[in-house]
C-alpha atoms as a PDB file:
ATOM      1  CA  MET A   1       0.000   0.000   0.000  1.00  0.00           C
ATOM      2  CA  SER A   2       1.415   3.391  -0.943  1.00  0.00           C
ATOM      3  CA  SER A   3       2.215   6.001   1.656  1.00  0.00           C
ATOM      4  CA  PHE A   4       0.101   9.061   2.202  1.00  0.00           C
ATOM      5  CA  SER A   5       1.227  12.639   2.529  1.00  0.00           C
ATOM      6  CA  ASP A   6      -0.057  14.964   5.232  1.00  0.00           C
ATOM      7  CA  ARG A   7      -0.188  17.697   2.654  1.00  0.00           C
ATOM      8  CA  ASP A   8      -3.661  17.982   1.196  1.00  0.00           C
ATOM      9  CA  GLY A   9      -3.842  17.285  -2.500  1.00  0.00           C
ATOM     10  CA  THR A  10      -0.960  14.836  -2.659  1.00  0.00           C
ATOM     11  CA  PRO A  11      -2.545  11.744  -4.154  1.00  0.00           C
ATOM     12  CA  GLY A  12      -2.225   8.288  -2.690  1.00  0.00           C
ATOM     13  CA  SER A  13      -4.755   7.222  -5.249  1.00  0.00           C
ATOM     14  CA  MET A  14      -6.112   3.686  -5.362  1.00  0.00           C
ATOM     15  CA  LYS A  15      -7.864   4.365  -8.616  1.00  0.00           C
ATOM     16  CA  GLY A  16      -6.853   4.418 -12.222  1.00  0.00           C
ATOM     17  CA  GLY A  17      -8.120   7.465 -14.068  1.00  0.00           C
ATOM     18  CA  VAL A  18     -11.586   7.376 -15.532  1.00  0.00           C
ATOM     19  CA  VAL A  19     -11.170   7.007 -19.267  1.00  0.00           C
ATOM     20  CA  PRO A  20     -13.685   9.157 -21.132  1.00  0.00           C
ATOM     21  CA  SER A  21     -16.057   7.289 -23.389  1.00  0.00           C
ATOM     22  CA  GLU A  22     -14.927   7.026 -26.981  1.00  0.00           C
ATOM     23  CA  ASN A  23     -18.499   7.728 -28.137  1.00  0.00           C
ATOM     24  CA  ALA A  24     -20.289  10.152 -25.834  1.00  0.00           C
ATOM     25  CA  GLN A  25     -23.350  10.269 -28.074  1.00  0.00           C
ATOM     26  CA  THR A  26     -23.705   6.506 -27.795  1.00  0.00           C
ATOM     27  CA  ASP A  27     -23.688   6.855 -24.003  1.00  0.00           C
ATOM     28  CA  VAL A  28     -26.463   9.457 -24.209  1.00  0.00           C
ATOM     29  CA  GLU A  29     -28.489   7.122 -26.394  1.00  0.00           C
ATOM     30  CA  LEU A  30     -27.884   4.241 -23.998  1.00  0.00           C
ATOM     31  CA  MET A  31     -29.023   6.308 -21.028  1.00  0.00           C
ATOM     32  CA  ALA A  32     -32.098   7.480 -22.916  1.00  0.00           C
ATOM     33  CA  ARG A  33     -33.067   3.840 -23.447  1.00  0.00           C
ATOM     34  CA  VAL A  34     -32.396   3.124 -19.776  1.00  0.00           C
ATOM     35  CA  ALA A  35     -34.625   6.058 -18.827  1.00  0.00           C
ATOM     36  CA  ALA A  36     -37.308   4.487 -21.025  1.00  0.00           C
ATOM     37  CA  LYS A  37     -36.876   1.290 -18.965  1.00  0.00           C
ATOM     38  CA  ASP A  38     -35.539  -0.848 -21.790  1.00  0.00           C
ATOM     39  CA  PRO A  39     -34.425  -4.062 -20.008  1.00  0.00           C
ATOM     40  CA  VAL A  40     -31.607  -4.843 -22.443  1.00  0.00           C
ATOM     41  CA  SER A  41     -30.112  -1.372 -21.995  1.00  0.00           C
ATOM     42  CA  GLU A  42     -30.533  -1.548 -18.221  1.00  0.00           C
ATOM     43  CA  ARG A  43     -28.620  -4.808 -18.157  1.00  0.00           C
ATOM     44  CA  GLN A  44     -25.914  -3.353 -20.417  1.00  0.00           C
ATOM     45  CA  LEU A  45     -25.498  -0.346 -18.113  1.00  0.00           C
ATOM     46  CA  LEU A  46     -25.335  -2.431 -14.940  1.00  0.00           C
ATOM     47  CA  GLU A  47     -22.743  -4.740 -16.448  1.00  0.00           C
ATOM     48  CA  ARG A  48     -20.647  -1.730 -17.397  1.00  0.00           C
ATOM     49  CA  ILE A  49     -20.704   0.196 -14.123  1.00  0.00           C
ATOM     50  CA  GLY A  50     -21.767  -2.402 -11.541  1.00  0.00           C
ATOM     51  CA  GLY A  51     -18.295  -3.372 -10.377  1.00  0.00           C
ATOM     52  CA  ARG A  52     -17.169   0.227 -10.025  1.00  0.00           C
ATOM     53  CA  VAL A  53     -20.297   1.184  -8.068  1.00  0.00           C
ATOM     54  CA  ARG A  54     -19.955  -1.779  -5.694  1.00  0.00           C
ATOM     55  CA  ARG A  55     -16.346  -0.888  -4.983  1.00  0.00           C
ATOM     56  CA  ILE A  56     -17.179   2.744  -4.265  1.00  0.00           C
ATOM     57  CA  THR A  57     -20.142   2.046  -2.016  1.00  0.00           C
ATOM     58  CA  GLY A  58     -18.177  -0.648  -0.210  1.00  0.00           C
ATOM     59  CA  LEU A  59     -15.344   1.735   0.585  1.00  0.00           C
ATOM     60  CA  LEU A  60     -17.707   4.488   1.689  1.00  0.00           C
ATOM     61  CA  CYS A  61     -19.729   2.173   3.923  1.00  0.00           C
ATOM     62  CA  GLY A  62     -16.864   0.540   5.765  1.00  0.00           C
ATOM     63  CA  SER A  63     -19.180  -2.022   7.358  1.00  0.00           C
ATOM     64  CA  PRO A  64     -19.276  -5.317   5.396  1.00  0.00           C
ATOM     65  CA  ALA A  65     -22.851  -5.843   6.525  1.00  0.00           C
ATOM     66  CA  ASP A  66     -23.961  -2.648   4.754  1.00  0.00           C
ATOM     67  CA  LYS A  67     -22.068  -3.021   1.481  1.00  0.00           C
ATOM     68  CA  ASP A  68     -24.595  -5.052  -0.480  1.00  0.00           C
ATOM     69  CA  ASP A  69     -27.524  -2.869   0.527  1.00  0.00           C
ATOM     70  CA  ALA A  70     -25.609   0.298  -0.318  1.00  0.00           C
ATOM     71  CA  ALA A  71     -24.594  -1.010  -3.744  1.00  0.00           C
ATOM     72  CA  GLN A  72     -28.146  -2.105  -4.500  1.00  0.00           C
ATOM     73  CA  SER A  73     -29.547   1.284  -3.507  1.00  0.00           C
ATOM     74  CA  ALA A  74     -26.938   3.106  -5.589  1.00  0.00           C
ATOM     75  CA  LEU A  75     -27.596   1.007  -8.684  1.00  0.00           C
ATOM     76  CA  ILE A  76     -31.347   1.541  -8.348  1.00  0.00           C
ATOM     77  CA  GLU A  77     -30.806   5.291  -8.054  1.00  0.00           C
ATOM     78  CA  ILE A  78     -28.569   5.263 -11.134  1.00  0.00           C
ATOM     79  CA  LEU A  79     -31.328   3.564 -13.128  1.00  0.00           C
ATOM     80  CA  ARG A  80     -33.900   6.030 -11.824  1.00  0.00           C
ATOM     81  CA  SER A  81     -31.687   9.012 -12.633  1.00  0.00           C
ATOM     82  CA  ALA A  82     -30.736   7.894 -16.139  1.00  0.00           C
ATOM     83  CA  GLY A  83     -32.763  10.701 -17.710  1.00  0.00           C
ATOM     84  CA  SER A  84     -30.510  13.310 -16.077  1.00  0.00           C
ATOM     85  CA  PHE A  85     -27.394  12.111 -17.904  1.00  0.00           C
ATOM     86  CA  ARG A  86     -26.161  14.650 -20.448  1.00  0.00           C
ATOM     87  CA  VAL A  87     -23.749  14.624 -23.353  1.00  0.00           C
ATOM     88  CA  GLY A  88     -20.235  15.784 -22.480  1.00  0.00           C
ATOM     89  CA  THR A  89     -20.281  13.886 -19.197  1.00  0.00           C
ATOM     90  CA  SER A  90     -18.247  10.756 -18.487  1.00  0.00           C
ATOM     91  CA  LEU A  91     -20.773   7.993 -17.834  1.00  0.00           C
ATOM     92  CA  GLU A  92     -18.489   6.336 -15.297  1.00  0.00           C
ATOM     93  CA  ARG A  93     -17.847   9.613 -13.447  1.00  0.00           C
ATOM     94  CA  TRP A  94     -21.576  10.408 -13.445  1.00  0.00           C
ATOM     95  CA  ALA A  95     -22.373   6.972 -12.015  1.00  0.00           C
ATOM     96  CA  GLU A  96     -19.687   7.416  -9.334  1.00  0.00           C
ATOM     97  CA  THR A  97     -21.220  10.716  -8.260  1.00  0.00           C
ATOM     98  CA  VAL A  98     -24.742   9.307  -8.084  1.00  0.00           C
ATOM     99  CA  ALA A  99     -23.475   6.313  -6.110  1.00  0.00           C
ATOM    100  CA  ALA A 100     -21.518   8.509  -3.682  1.00  0.00           C
ATOM    101  CA  ARG A 101     -24.451  10.868  -3.122  1.00  0.00           C
ATOM    102  CA  THR A 102     -26.859   7.980  -2.561  1.00  0.00           C
ATOM    103  CA  THR A 103     -24.552   6.251  -0.086  1.00  0.00           C
ATOM    104  CA  LEU A 104     -23.773   9.415   1.863  1.00  0.00           C
ATOM    105  CA  ARG A 105     -27.450  10.364   2.015  1.00  0.00           C
ATOM    106  CA  ALA A 106     -28.341   6.938   3.394  1.00  0.00           C
ATOM    107  CA  ALA A 107     -25.508   7.201   5.929  1.00  0.00           C
ATOM    108  CA  ARG A 108     -26.837  10.547   7.142  1.00  0.00           C
ATOM    109  CA  ARG A 109     -30.307   9.094   7.603  1.00  0.00           C
ATOM    110  CA  GLU A 110     -28.880   6.148   9.540  1.00  0.00           C
ATOM    111  CA  ARG A 111     -26.804   8.455  11.726  1.00  0.00           C
ATOM    112  CA  GLU A 112     -29.903  10.515  12.533  1.00  0.00           C
ATOM    113  CA  ARG A 113     -31.764   7.321  13.441  1.00  0.00           C
ATOM    114  CA  LYS A 114     -28.984   6.188  15.758  1.00  0.00           C
ATOM    115  CA  ASN A 115     -28.762   9.608  17.383  1.00  0.00           C
ATOM    116  CA  LEU A 116     -32.458   9.404  18.138  1.00  0.00           C
ATOM    117  CA  LEU A 117     -32.092   5.964  19.672  1.00  0.00           C
ATOM    118  CA  THR A 118     -29.225   7.023  21.917  1.00  0.00           C
ATOM    119  CA  ARG A 119     -31.592   9.315  23.776  1.00  0.00           C
ATOM    120  CA  TRP A 120     -33.404   6.238  25.044  1.00  0.00           C
ATOM    121  CA  LEU A 121     -30.551   3.777  25.559  1.00  0.00           C
ATOM    122  CA  LEU A 122     -27.797   3.782  28.144  1.00  0.00           C
ATOM    123  CA  PRO A 123     -24.254   4.484  26.912  1.00  0.00           C
ATOM    124  CA  GLY A 124     -22.429   1.343  25.864  1.00  0.00           C
ATOM    125  CA  THR A 125     -25.540  -0.681  25.072  1.00  0.00           C
ATOM    126  CA  LEU A 126     -25.728   0.112  21.379  1.00  0.00           C
ATOM    127  CA  PRO A 127     -24.933  -2.824  19.084  1.00  0.00           C
ATOM    128  CA  TRP A 128     -22.761  -0.851  16.688  1.00  0.00           C
ATOM    129  CA  GLY A 129     -19.475   1.002  16.739  1.00  0.00           C
ATOM    130  CA  GLY A 130     -17.213  -1.703  18.173  1.00  0.00           C
ATOM    131  CA  MET A 131     -14.682  -3.418  15.971  1.00  0.00           C
ATOM    132  CA  ALA A 132     -12.462  -6.279  17.026  1.00  0.00           C
ATOM    133  CA  SER A 133      -8.856  -6.131  15.869  1.00  0.00           C
ATOM    134  CA  SER A 134      -6.446  -8.972  15.331  1.00  0.00           C
ATOM    135  CA  THR A 135      -2.777  -8.462  14.568  1.00  0.00           C
ATOM    136  CA  SER A 136      -2.418 -12.144  13.758  1.00  0.00           C
ATOM    137  CA  GLU A 137      -4.525 -11.810  10.618  1.00  0.00           C
ATOM    138  CA  ALA A 138      -3.697 -10.060   7.406  1.00  0.00           C
ATOM    139  CA  VAL A 139      -5.379  -6.673   7.387  1.00  0.00           C
ATOM    140  CA  GLY A 140      -6.631  -5.454   4.011  1.00  0.00           C
ATOM    141  CA  LEU A 141      -7.330  -1.939   2.895  1.00  0.00           C
ATOM    142  CA  ASP A 142     -11.065  -2.280   3.507  1.00  0.00           C
ATOM    143  CA  THR A 143     -10.332  -3.265   7.105  1.00  0.00           C
ATOM    144  CA  PHE A 144      -8.053  -0.263   7.619  1.00  0.00           C
ATOM    145  CA  LEU A 145     -10.691   2.068   6.192  1.00  0.00           C
ATOM    146  CA  GLY A 146     -13.346   0.429   8.337  1.00  0.00           C
ATOM    147  CA  ARG A 147     -11.446   1.528  11.441  1.00  0.00           C
ATOM    148  CA  LEU A 148     -11.631   5.189  10.499  1.00  0.00           C
ATOM    149  CA  SER A 149     -14.527   7.277  11.698  1.00  0.00           C
ATOM    150  CA  PRO A 150     -17.283   7.534   9.049  1.00  0.00           C
ATOM    151  CA  ASP A 151     -16.474  11.192   8.309  1.00  0.00           C
ATOM    152  CA  ARG A 152     -12.744  10.535   7.891  1.00  0.00           C
ATOM    153  CA  ARG A 153     -13.334   7.419   5.798  1.00  0.00           C
ATOM    154  CA  ARG A 154     -15.691   9.181   3.406  1.00  0.00           C
ATOM    155  CA  ALA A 155     -13.372  12.140   2.955  1.00  0.00           C
ATOM    156  CA  PHE A 156     -10.412   9.815   2.358  1.00  0.00           C
ATOM    157  CA  VAL A 157     -12.226   7.588  -0.157  1.00  0.00           C
ATOM    158  CA  LEU A 158     -13.749  10.488  -2.072  1.00  0.00           C
ATOM    159  CA  HIS A 159     -10.380  12.270  -2.328  1.00  0.00           C
ATOM    160  CA  HIS A 160      -7.857   9.461  -2.778  1.00  0.00           C
ATOM    161  CA  ALA A 161      -9.939   6.751  -4.441  1.00  0.00           C
ATOM    162  CA  LEU A 162     -12.260   8.910  -6.543  1.00  0.00           C
ATOM    163  CA  ASP A 163     -10.103  12.024  -7.060  1.00  0.00           C
ATOM    164  CA  TYR A 164     -12.702  14.493  -5.800  1.00  0.00           C
ATOM    165  CA  THR A 165     -11.383  17.903  -4.773  1.00  0.00           C
ATOM    166  CA  VAL A 166     -11.836  19.310  -1.292  1.00  0.00           C
ATOM    167  CA  ASP A 167     -14.527  21.665  -2.592  1.00  0.00           C
ATOM    168  CA  GLU A 168     -16.360  18.805  -4.307  1.00  0.00           C
ATOM    169  CA  ILE A 169     -16.240  16.738  -1.118  1.00  0.00           C
ATOM    170  CA  SER A 170     -17.535  19.731   0.809  1.00  0.00           C
ATOM    171  CA  GLU A 171     -20.491  19.967  -1.561  1.00  0.00           C
ATOM    172  CA  LEU A 172     -21.182  16.228  -1.360  1.00  0.00           C
ATOM    173  CA  THR A 173     -20.973  15.916   2.418  1.00  0.00           C
ATOM    174  CA  GLY A 174     -22.145  19.328   3.566  1.00  0.00           C
ATOM    175  CA  ALA A 175     -18.961  19.878   5.609  1.00  0.00           C
ATOM    176  CA  PRO A 176     -16.945  23.125   5.245  1.00  0.00           C
ATOM    177  CA  PRO A 177     -13.764  22.822   3.133  1.00  0.00           C
ATOM    178  CA  GLY A 178     -11.585  23.390   6.201  1.00  0.00           C
ATOM    179  CA  THR A 179     -13.275  20.511   7.982  1.00  0.00           C
ATOM    180  CA  VAL A 180     -12.761  18.277   4.946  1.00  0.00           C
ATOM    181  CA  LYS A 181      -9.034  19.116   4.946  1.00  0.00           C
ATOM    182  CA  ASP A 182      -8.772  18.316   8.650  1.00  0.00           C
ATOM    183  CA  ARG A 183     -10.507  14.968   8.100  1.00  0.00           C
ATOM    184  CA  LEU A 184      -8.120  14.086   5.259  1.00  0.00           C
ATOM    185  CA  VAL A 185      -5.056  14.894   7.341  1.00  0.00           C
ATOM    186  CA  SER A 186      -6.407  12.972  10.336  1.00  0.00           C
ATOM    187  CA  ALA A 187      -7.344   9.969   8.191  1.00  0.00           C
ATOM    188  CA  ARG A 188      -3.866   9.786   6.645  1.00  0.00           C
ATOM    189  CA  LYS A 189      -2.196  10.029  10.050  1.00  0.00           C
ATOM    190  CA  GLN A 190      -4.448   7.325  11.501  1.00  0.00           C
ATOM    191  CA  LEU A 191      -3.888   5.008   8.542  1.00  0.00           C
ATOM    192  CA  ARG A 192      -0.124   5.497   8.767  1.00  0.00           C
ATOM    193  CA  ARG A 193      -0.171   4.621  12.473  1.00  0.00           C
ATOM    194  CA  MET A 194      -2.187   1.477  11.770  1.00  0.00           C
ATOM    195  CA  LEU A 195       0.241   0.424   9.051  1.00  0.00           C
ATOM    196  CA  GLU A 196       3.213   0.993  11.329  1.00  0.00           C
ATOM    197  CA  ARG A 197       1.587  -1.060  14.089  1.00  0.00           C
ATOM    198  CA  GLY A 198       0.525  -3.893  11.814  1.00  0.00           C
ATOM    199  CA  GLY A 199      -3.150  -3.030  11.704  1.00  0.00           C
ATOM    200  CA  THR A 200      -3.886  -2.082  15.296  1.00  0.00           C
END
């Protein structure tokens, strides 16, 4: 795994660049058919972007238990939003943005639900938030990211995996740009410490 710089904007990217479509008009036509609920076109679109969307939502979620649901919700939203796709836009980049927005919106709703529940439950009785660690097992990138706080993880994934700028992340998450920068720096420091300690 590559090292990360504490200076904002220095990429430790896990992602190859998005290659623009060779035929943007064909993409527009495909999305128009998807918007018209053509099953063949829907299947073609899902085969093209499904793997990318699952990877993105998985990284943003952190929790393995939530990954499948998040990917399913994102793919459904992409199908529903097909009519908003416009020429001059990378289809893959557009799908990434829809997937990220859908996942972050669902995470905010879940956080609000949990905050409501905490008013009625004693501290320490909630069934989420704990994560066992084992230095005797190989720790993958998903596991490292899963140990970050949700805000740090999302900022890190959006910036380093998806190449979003600080301002774009601010718009997506609703956090001020300065807060986004702080989360990126903190996430990189925490990940570096975990790597140095073998995953703990």
